[in-house]
């Protein structure tokens, strides 16, 4: 059973939000490198939500290599125009 979230947990801001975004992108990339597409897809989606919540100045603090992978490279494989997992076999 997964750990329960604290009811009084404050939403992340500033440096903590940037660090969590970078961590999630790196985790998604490690799953990608290990050919684990299911977990990669989940982590990438979580990273995208966090990344989209960043301001322009905060986005610049995310390393460029990670930004490129998140926005372009992975979109090629996980974009809306791709077949969803668990489809027809």
PDB file of N, CA and C in Angstrom:
ATOM      1  N   UNK A   1       0.847  -1.170   0.000  1.00  0.00           N
ATOM      2  CA  UNK A   1       0.000   0.000   0.000  1.00  0.00           C
ATOM      3  C   UNK A   1       0.895   1.235   0.000  1.00  0.00           C
ATOM      4  N   UNK A   2       0.617   2.191  -0.894  1.00  0.00           N
ATOM      5  CA  UNK A   2       1.451   3.397  -0.941  1.00  0.00           C
ATOM      6  C   UNK A   2       1.256   4.262   0.293  1.00  0.00           C
ATOM      7  N   UNK A   3       2.279   5.032   0.581  1.00  0.00           N
ATOM      8  CA  UNK A   3       2.214   5.935   1.730  1.00  0.00           C
ATOM      9  C   UNK A   3       1.149   6.998   1.496  1.00  0.00           C
ATOM     10  N   UNK A   4       0.490   7.375   2.568  1.00  0.00           N
ATOM     11  CA  UNK A   4      -0.546   8.400   2.465  1.00  0.00           C
ATOM     12  C   UNK A   4       0.096   9.774   2.489  1.00  0.00           C
ATOM     13  N   UNK A   5      -0.507  10.678   1.733  1.00  0.00           N
ATOM     14  CA  UNK A   5      -0.012  12.043   1.718  1.00  0.00           C
ATOM     15  C   UNK A   5      -0.505  12.767   2.960  1.00  0.00           C
ATOM     16  N   UNK A   6       0.313  13.678   3.435  1.00  0.00           N
ATOM     17  CA  UNK A   6      -0.079  14.466   4.591  1.00  0.00           C
ATOM     18  C   UNK A   6      -1.179  15.434   4.194  1.00  0.00           C
ATOM     19  N   UNK A   7      -2.185  15.545   5.025  1.00  0.00           N
ATOM     20  CA  UNK A   7      -3.319  16.406   4.720  1.00  0.00           C
ATOM     21  C   UNK A   7      -2.917  17.880   4.727  1.00  0.00           C
ATOM     22  N   UNK A   8      -1.933  18.239   5.559  1.00  0.00           N
ATOM     23  CA  UNK A   8      -1.536  19.637   5.670  1.00  0.00           C
ATOM     24  C   UNK A   8      -0.274  19.962   4.871  1.00  0.00           C
ATOM     25  N   UNK A   9       0.070  19.111   3.909  1.00  0.00           N
ATOM     26  CA  UNK A   9       1.264  19.346   3.101  1.00  0.00           C
ATOM     27  C   UNK A   9       1.056  20.570   2.205  1.00  0.00           C
ATOM     28  N   UNK A  10       2.043  21.458   2.228  1.00  0.00           N
ATOM     29  CA  UNK A  10       1.965  22.670   1.416  1.00  0.00           C
ATOM     30  C   UNK A  10       2.465  22.364   0.010  1.00  0.00           C
ATOM     31  N   UNK A  11       1.881  22.998  -1.010  1.00  0.00           N
ATOM     32  CA  UNK A  11       2.401  22.785  -2.368  1.00  0.00           C
ATOM     33  C   UNK A  11       3.826  23.324  -2.492  1.00  0.00           C
ATOM     34  N   UNK A  12       4.620  22.643  -3.299  1.00  0.00           N
ATOM     35  CA  UNK A  12       6.015  23.047  -3.473  1.00  0.00           C
ATOM     36  C   UNK A  12       6.110  24.348  -4.260  1.00  0.00           C
ATOM     37  N   UNK A  13       7.121  25.127  -3.932  1.00  0.00           N
ATOM     38  CA  UNK A  13       7.390  26.367  -4.659  1.00  0.00           C
ATOM     39  C   UNK A  13       8.888  26.560  -4.754  1.00  0.00           C
ATOM     40  N   UNK A  14       9.298  27.426  -5.647  1.00  0.00           N
ATOM     41  CA  UNK A  14      10.701  27.832  -5.748  1.00  0.00           C
ATOM     42  C   UNK A  14      11.663  26.705  -6.021  1.00  0.00           C
ATOM     43  N   UNK A  15      12.732  26.677  -5.258  1.00  0.00           N
ATOM     44  CA  UNK A  15      13.812  25.721  -5.459  1.00  0.00           C
ATOM     45  C   UNK A  15      13.345  24.286  -5.280  1.00  0.00           C
ATOM     46  N   UNK A  16      12.470  24.041  -4.311  1.00  0.00           N
ATOM     47  CA  UNK A  16      11.984  22.682  -4.074  1.00  0.00           C
ATOM     48  C   UNK A  16      11.221  22.160  -5.287  1.00  0.00           C
ATOM     49  N   UNK A  17      10.436  23.017  -5.905  1.00  0.00           N
ATOM     50  CA  UNK A  17       9.679  22.625  -7.088  1.00  0.00           C
ATOM     51  C   UNK A  17      10.613  22.334  -8.261  1.00  0.00           C
ATOM     52  N   UNK A  18      11.632  23.141  -8.431  1.00  0.00           N
ATOM     53  CA  UNK A  18      12.606  22.920  -9.506  1.00  0.00           C
ATOM     54  C   UNK A  18      13.340  21.600  -9.284  1.00  0.00           C
ATOM     55  N   UNK A  19      13.773  21.352  -8.055  1.00  0.00           N
ATOM     56  CA  UNK A  19      14.490  20.112  -7.745  1.00  0.00           C
ATOM     57  C   UNK A  19      13.614  18.886  -7.982  1.00  0.00           C
ATOM     58  N   UNK A  20      12.362  18.956  -7.593  1.00  0.00           N
ATOM     59  CA  UNK A  20      11.452  17.823  -7.786  1.00  0.00           C
ATOM     60  C   UNK A  20      11.201  17.597  -9.276  1.00  0.00           C
ATOM     61  N   UNK A  21      11.077  18.659 -10.049  1.00  0.00           N
ATOM     62  CA  UNK A  21      10.880  18.538 -11.490  1.00  0.00           C
ATOM     63  C   UNK A  21      12.082  17.855 -12.129  1.00  0.00           C
ATOM     64  N   UNK A  22      13.273  18.300 -11.788  1.00  0.00           N
ATOM     65  CA  UNK A  22      14.502  17.714 -12.324  1.00  0.00           C
ATOM     66  C   UNK A  22      14.611  16.246 -11.913  1.00  0.00           C
ATOM     67  N   UNK A  23      14.282  15.947 -10.671  1.00  0.00           N
ATOM     68  CA  UNK A  23      14.344  14.561 -10.187  1.00  0.00           C
ATOM     69  C   UNK A  23      13.411  13.658 -10.989  1.00  0.00           C
ATOM     70  N   UNK A  24      12.202  14.126 -11.231  1.00  0.00           N
ATOM     71  CA  UNK A  24      11.218  13.328 -11.979  1.00  0.00           C
ATOM     72  C   UNK A  24      11.647  13.127 -13.429  1.00  0.00           C
ATOM     73  N   UNK A  25      12.216  14.158 -14.051  1.00  0.00           N
ATOM     74  CA  UNK A  25      12.687  14.016 -15.430  1.00  0.00           C
ATOM     75  C   UNK A  25      13.821  13.000 -15.491  1.00  0.00           C
ATOM     76  N   UNK A  26      14.758  13.102 -14.546  1.00  0.00           N
ATOM     77  CA  UNK A  26      15.877  12.143 -14.524  1.00  0.00           C
ATOM     78  C   UNK A  26      15.391  10.724 -14.280  1.00  0.00           C
ATOM     79  N   UNK A  27      14.396  10.564 -13.413  1.00  0.00           N
ATOM     80  CA  UNK A  27      13.841   9.238 -13.155  1.00  0.00           C
ATOM     81  C   UNK A  27      13.168   8.693 -14.408  1.00  0.00           C
ATOM     82  N   UNK A  28      12.415   9.536 -15.100  1.00  0.00           N
ATOM     83  CA  UNK A  28      11.765   9.105 -16.344  1.00  0.00           C
ATOM     84  C   UNK A  28      12.806   8.686 -17.377  1.00  0.00           C
ATOM     85  N   UNK A  29      13.895   9.453 -17.468  1.00  0.00           N
ATOM     86  CA  UNK A  29      14.963   9.106 -18.418  1.00  0.00           C
ATOM     87  C   UNK A  29      15.637   7.794 -18.043  1.00  0.00           C
ATOM     88  N   UNK A  30      15.803   7.538 -16.758  1.00  0.00           N
ATOM     89  CA  UNK A  30      16.422   6.267 -16.355  1.00  0.00           C
ATOM     90  C   UNK A  30      15.509   5.095 -16.705  1.00  0.00           C
ATOM     91  N   UNK A  31      14.191   5.273 -16.535  1.00  0.00           N
ATOM     92  CA  UNK A  31      13.251   4.229 -16.960  1.00  0.00           C
ATOM     93  C   UNK A  31      13.315   4.055 -18.474  1.00  0.00           C
ATOM     94  N   UNK A  32      13.430   5.159 -19.206  1.00  0.00           N
ATOM     95  CA  UNK A  32      13.514   5.117 -20.659  1.00  0.00           C
ATOM     96  C   UNK A  32      14.749   4.330 -21.089  1.00  0.00           C
ATOM     97  N   UNK A  33      15.878   4.618 -20.464  1.00  0.00           N
ATOM     98  CA  UNK A  33      17.126   3.937 -20.798  1.00  0.00           C
ATOM     99  C   UNK A  33      17.061   2.449 -20.478  1.00  0.00           C
ATOM    100  N   UNK A  34      16.255   2.083 -19.480  1.00  0.00           N
ATOM    101  CA  UNK A  34      16.100   0.683 -19.086  1.00  0.00           C
ATOM    102  C   UNK A  34      14.978  -0.007 -19.869  1.00  0.00           C
ATOM    103  N   UNK A  35      14.393   0.685 -20.843  1.00  0.00           N
ATOM    104  CA  UNK A  35      13.312   0.155 -21.677  1.00  0.00           C
ATOM    105  C   UNK A  35      12.075  -0.219 -20.869  1.00  0.00           C
ATOM    106  N   UNK A  36      11.792   0.569 -19.852  1.00  0.00           N
ATOM    107  CA  UNK A  36      10.603   0.368 -19.018  1.00  0.00           C
ATOM    108  C   UNK A  36       9.608   1.482 -19.357  1.00  0.00           C
ATOM    109  N   UNK A  37       8.841   1.276 -20.443  1.00  0.00           N
ATOM    110  CA  UNK A  37       7.998   2.329 -20.967  1.00  0.00           C
ATOM    111  C   UNK A  37       6.826   2.694 -20.070  1.00  0.00           C
ATOM    112  N   UNK A  38       6.246   1.738 -19.368  1.00  0.00           N
ATOM    113  CA  UNK A  38       5.116   2.041 -18.486  1.00  0.00           C
ATOM    114  C   UNK A  38       5.495   3.020 -17.382  1.00  0.00           C
ATOM    115  N   UNK A  39       6.494   2.674 -16.566  1.00  0.00           N
ATOM    116  CA  UNK A  39       6.920   3.622 -15.530  1.00  0.00           C
ATOM    117  C   UNK A  39       7.445   4.932 -16.101  1.00  0.00           C
ATOM    118  N   UNK A  40       8.101   4.862 -17.252  1.00  0.00           N
ATOM    119  CA  UNK A  40       8.612   6.072 -17.884  1.00  0.00           C
ATOM    120  C   UNK A  40       7.464   7.009 -18.236  1.00  0.00           C
ATOM    121  N   UNK A  41       6.405   6.459 -18.783  1.00  0.00           N
ATOM    122  CA  UNK A  41       5.246   7.258 -19.168  1.00  0.00           C
ATOM    123  C   UNK A  41       4.645   7.954 -17.949  1.00  0.00           C
ATOM    124  N   UNK A  42       4.503   7.220 -16.839  1.00  0.00           N
ATOM    125  CA  UNK A  42       3.937   7.808 -15.619  1.00  0.00           C
ATOM    126  C   UNK A  42       4.794   8.926 -15.054  1.00  0.00           C
ATOM    127  N   UNK A  43       6.092   8.693 -14.966  1.00  0.00           N
ATOM    128  CA  UNK A  43       6.995   9.713 -14.437  1.00  0.00           C
ATOM    129  C   UNK A  43       7.083  10.915 -15.364  1.00  0.00           C
ATOM    130  N   UNK A  44       7.050  10.668 -16.665  1.00  0.00           N
ATOM    131  CA  UNK A  44       7.100  11.770 -17.620  1.00  0.00           C
ATOM    132  C   UNK A  44       5.867  12.652 -17.477  1.00  0.00           C
ATOM    133  N   UNK A  45       4.701  12.044 -17.303  1.00  0.00           N
ATOM    134  CA  UNK A  45       3.470  12.828 -17.137  1.00  0.00           C
ATOM    135  C   UNK A  45       3.523  13.669 -15.862  1.00  0.00           C
ATOM    136  N   UNK A  46       4.027  13.084 -14.771  1.00  0.00           N
ATOM    137  CA  UNK A  46       4.166  13.840 -13.517  1.00  0.00           C
ATOM    138  C   UNK A  46       5.160  14.983 -13.687  1.00  0.00           C
ATOM    139  N   UNK A  47       6.261  14.705 -14.389  1.00  0.00           N
ATOM    140  CA  UNK A  47       7.272  15.741 -14.623  1.00  0.00           C
ATOM    141  C   UNK A  47       6.700  16.871 -15.482  1.00  0.00           C
ATOM    142  N   UNK A  48       5.888  16.526 -16.478  1.00  0.00           N
ATOM    143  CA  UNK A  48       5.286  17.550 -17.333  1.00  0.00           C
ATOM    144  C   UNK A  48       4.361  18.465 -16.537  1.00  0.00           C
ATOM    145  N   UNK A  49       3.577  17.894 -15.626  1.00  0.00           N
ATOM    146  CA  UNK A  49       2.681  18.708 -14.792  1.00  0.00           C
ATOM    147  C   UNK A  49       3.499  19.686 -13.957  1.00  0.00           C
ATOM    148  N   UNK A  50       4.572  19.196 -13.346  1.00  0.00           N
ATOM    149  CA  UNK A  50       5.426  20.066 -12.547  1.00  0.00           C
ATOM    150  C   UNK A  50       6.110  21.111 -13.422  1.00  0.00           C
ATOM    151  N   UNK A  51       6.621  20.697 -14.572  1.00  0.00           N
ATOM    152  CA  UNK A  51       7.329  21.616 -15.461  1.00  0.00           C
ATOM    153  C   UNK A  51       6.406  22.728 -15.938  1.00  0.00           C
ATOM    154  N   UNK A  52       5.175  22.384 -16.267  1.00  0.00           N
ATOM    155  CA  UNK A  52       4.226  23.387 -16.746  1.00  0.00           C
ATOM    156  C   UNK A  52       3.814  24.366 -15.653  1.00  0.00           C
ATOM    157  N   UNK A  53       4.001  23.995 -14.388  1.00  0.00           N
ATOM    158  CA  UNK A  53       3.662  24.901 -13.292  1.00  0.00           C
ATOM    159  C   UNK A  53       4.795  25.891 -12.991  1.00  0.00           C
ATOM    160  N   UNK A  54       5.960  25.690 -13.601  1.00  0.00           N
ATOM    161  CA  UNK A  54       7.096  26.586 -13.380  1.00  0.00           C
ATOM    162  C   UNK A  54       6.941  27.869 -14.187  1.00  0.00           C
ATOM    163  N   UNK A  55       7.487  28.954 -13.669  1.00  0.00           N
ATOM    164  CA  UNK A  55       7.528  30.211 -14.424  1.00  0.00           C
ATOM    165  C   UNK A  55       8.656  30.115 -15.450  1.00  0.00           C
ATOM    166  N   UNK A  56       8.721  31.074 -16.362  1.00  0.00           N
ATOM    167  CA  UNK A  56       9.773  31.078 -17.383  1.00  0.00           C
ATOM    168  C   UNK A  56      11.166  31.124 -16.750  1.00  0.00           C
ATOM    169  N   UNK A  57      11.327  31.938 -15.718  1.00  0.00           N
ATOM    170  CA  UNK A  57      12.635  32.053 -15.055  1.00  0.00           C
ATOM    171  C   UNK A  57      13.014  30.739 -14.382  1.00  0.00           C
ATOM    172  N   UNK A  58      12.037  30.068 -13.782  1.00  0.00           N
ATOM    173  CA  UNK A  58      12.308  28.782 -13.125  1.00  0.00           C
ATOM    174  C   UNK A  58      12.626  27.698 -14.150  1.00  0.00           C
ATOM    175  N   UNK A  59      11.954  27.748 -15.293  1.00  0.00           N
ATOM    176  CA  UNK A  59      12.215  26.754 -16.344  1.00  0.00           C
ATOM    177  C   UNK A  59      13.651  26.836 -16.838  1.00  0.00           C
ATOM    178  N   UNK A  60      14.210  28.034 -16.843  1.00  0.00           N
ATOM    179  CA  UNK A  60      15.599  28.213 -17.284  1.00  0.00           C
ATOM    180  C   UNK A  60      16.582  27.535 -16.332  1.00  0.00           C
ATOM    181  N   UNK A  61      16.170  27.285 -15.095  1.00  0.00           N
ATOM    182  CA  UNK A  61      17.052  26.640 -14.117  1.00  0.00           C
ATOM    183  C   UNK A  61      17.082  25.125 -14.283  1.00  0.00           C
ATOM    184  N   UNK A  62      16.142  24.567 -15.044  1.00  0.00           N
ATOM    185  CA  UNK A  62      16.166  23.139 -15.357  1.00  0.00           C
ATOM    186  C   UNK A  62      17.217  22.953 -16.449  1.00  0.00           C
ATOM    187  N   UNK A  63      18.140  22.000 -16.294  1.00  0.00           N
ATOM    188  CA  UNK A  63      19.184  21.815 -17.306  1.00  0.00           C
ATOM    189  C   UNK A  63      18.593  21.617 -18.706  1.00  0.00           C
ATOM    190  N   UNK A  64      19.224  22.241 -19.691  1.00  0.00           N
ATOM    191  CA  UNK A  64      18.698  22.226 -21.052  1.00  0.00           C
ATOM    192  C   UNK A  64      18.536  20.811 -21.592  1.00  0.00           C
ATOM    193  N   UNK A  65      19.461  19.937 -21.298  1.00  0.00           N
ATOM    194  CA  UNK A  65      19.389  18.558 -21.779  1.00  0.00           C
ATOM    195  C   UNK A  65      18.099  17.886 -21.302  1.00  0.00           C
ATOM    196  N   UNK A  66      17.713  18.150 -20.056  1.00  0.00           N
ATOM    197  CA  UNK A  66      16.494  17.559 -19.520  1.00  0.00           C
ATOM    198  C   UNK A  66      15.250  18.193 -20.127  1.00  0.00           C
ATOM    199  N   UNK A  67      15.295  19.508 -20.340  1.00  0.00           N
ATOM    200  CA  UNK A  67      14.153  20.194 -20.967  1.00  0.00           C
ATOM    201  C   UNK A  67      13.909  19.663 -22.369  1.00  0.00           C
ATOM    202  N   UNK A  68      14.987  19.487 -23.125  1.00  0.00           N
ATOM    203  CA  UNK A  68      14.855  18.987 -24.494  1.00  0.00           C
ATOM    204  C   UNK A  68      14.257  17.589 -24.481  1.00  0.00           C
ATOM    205  N   UNK A  69      14.771  16.723 -23.625  1.00  0.00           N
ATOM    206  CA  UNK A  69      14.245  15.357 -23.568  1.00  0.00           C
ATOM    207  C   UNK A  69      12.771  15.359 -23.197  1.00  0.00           C
ATOM    208  N   UNK A  70      12.414  16.149 -22.215  1.00  0.00           N
ATOM    209  CA  UNK A  70      11.031  16.175 -21.736  1.00  0.00           C
ATOM    210  C   UNK A  70      10.071  16.680 -22.802  1.00  0.00           C
ATOM    211  N   UNK A  71      10.411  17.750 -23.459  1.00  0.00           N
ATOM    212  CA  UNK A  71       9.472  18.397 -24.375  1.00  0.00           C
ATOM    213  C   UNK A  71       9.477  17.809 -25.776  1.00  0.00           C
ATOM    214  N   UNK A  72      10.622  17.410 -26.299  1.00  0.00           N
ATOM    215  CA  UNK A  72      10.690  17.013 -27.694  1.00  0.00           C
ATOM    216  C   UNK A  72      10.921  15.522 -27.894  1.00  0.00           C
ATOM    217  N   UNK A  73      12.000  15.028 -27.364  1.00  0.00           N
ATOM    218  CA  UNK A  73      12.359  13.630 -27.598  1.00  0.00           C
ATOM    219  C   UNK A  73      11.274  12.680 -27.115  1.00  0.00           C
ATOM    220  N   UNK A  74      10.796  12.870 -25.895  1.00  0.00           N
ATOM    221  CA  UNK A  74       9.801  11.947 -25.380  1.00  0.00           C
ATOM    222  C   UNK A  74       8.435  12.160 -26.016  1.00  0.00           C
ATOM    223  N   UNK A  75       8.166  13.360 -26.523  1.00  0.00           N
ATOM    224  CA  UNK A  75       6.882  13.618 -27.189  1.00  0.00           C
ATOM    225  C   UNK A  75       6.750  12.749 -28.444  1.00  0.00           C
ATOM    226  N   UNK A  76       7.879  12.466 -29.068  1.00  0.00           N
ATOM    227  CA  UNK A  76       7.868  11.620 -30.259  1.00  0.00           C
ATOM    228  C   UNK A  76       7.296  10.244 -29.931  1.00  0.00           C
ATOM    229  N   UNK A  77       7.584   9.747 -28.735  1.00  0.00           N
ATOM    230  CA  UNK A  77       7.173   8.408 -28.362  1.00  0.00           C
ATOM    231  C   UNK A  77       5.923   8.368 -27.491  1.00  0.00           C
ATOM    232  N   UNK A  78       5.666   9.435 -26.738  1.00  0.00           N
ATOM    233  CA  UNK A  78       4.546   9.428 -25.800  1.00  0.00           C
ATOM    234  C   UNK A  78       3.481  10.459 -26.135  1.00  0.00           C
ATOM    235  N   UNK A  79       3.556  11.087 -27.291  1.00  0.00           N
ATOM    236  CA  UNK A  79       2.622  12.141 -27.669  1.00  0.00           C
ATOM    237  C   UNK A  79       1.201  11.635 -27.858  1.00  0.00           C
ATOM    238  N   UNK A  80       0.280  12.577 -28.004  1.00  0.00           N
ATOM    239  CA  UNK A  80      -1.144  12.254 -28.137  1.00  0.00           C
ATOM    240  C   UNK A  80      -1.434  11.475 -29.414  1.00  0.00           C
ATOM    241  N   UNK A  81      -0.588  11.629 -30.432  1.00  0.00           N
ATOM    242  CA  UNK A  81      -0.831  10.930 -31.690  1.00  0.00           C
ATOM    243  C   UNK A  81      -0.341   9.491 -31.677  1.00  0.00           C
ATOM    244  N   UNK A  82       0.241   9.054 -30.570  1.00  0.00           N
ATOM    245  CA  UNK A  82       0.744   7.684 -30.449  1.00  0.00           C
ATOM    246  C   UNK A  82      -0.342   6.761 -29.911  1.00  0.00           C
ATOM    247  N   UNK A  83      -0.255   5.487 -30.224  1.00  0.00           N
ATOM    248  CA  UNK A  83      -1.199   4.498 -29.722  1.00  0.00           C
ATOM    249  C   UNK A  83      -1.003   4.333 -28.228  1.00  0.00           C
ATOM    250  N   UNK A  84      -2.092   4.358 -27.489  1.00  0.00           N
ATOM    251  CA  UNK A  84      -2.030   4.221 -26.034  1.00  0.00           C
ATOM    252  C   UNK A  84      -1.670   2.774 -25.658  1.00  0.00           C
ATOM    253  N   UNK A  85      -0.975   2.574 -24.527  1.00  0.00           N
ATOM    254  CA  UNK A  85      -0.619   1.217 -24.115  1.00  0.00           C
ATOM    255  C   UNK A  85      -1.880   0.434 -23.756  1.00  0.00           C
ATOM    256  N   UNK A  86      -1.806  -0.869 -23.960  1.00  0.00           N
ATOM    257  CA  UNK A  86      -2.930  -1.736 -23.624  1.00  0.00           C
ATOM    258  C   UNK A  86      -4.029  -1.700 -24.671  1.00  0.00           C
ATOM    259  N   UNK A  87      -3.712  -1.254 -25.860  1.00  0.00           N
ATOM    260  CA  UNK A  87      -4.690  -1.170 -26.932  1.00  0.00           C
ATOM    261  C   UNK A  87      -4.917  -2.529 -27.580  1.00  0.00           C
ATOM    262  N   UNK A  88      -5.210  -2.502 -28.842  1.00  0.00           N
ATOM    263  CA  UNK A  88      -5.460  -3.730 -29.590  1.00  0.00           C
ATOM    264  C   UNK A  88      -4.192  -4.561 -29.708  1.00  0.00           C
ATOM    265  N   UNK A  89      -4.366  -5.854 -29.597  1.00  0.00           N
ATOM    266  CA  UNK A  89      -3.216  -6.771 -29.739  1.00  0.00           C
ATOM    267  C   UNK A  89      -3.496  -7.756 -30.814  1.00  0.00           C
TER     268      UNK A  89
END
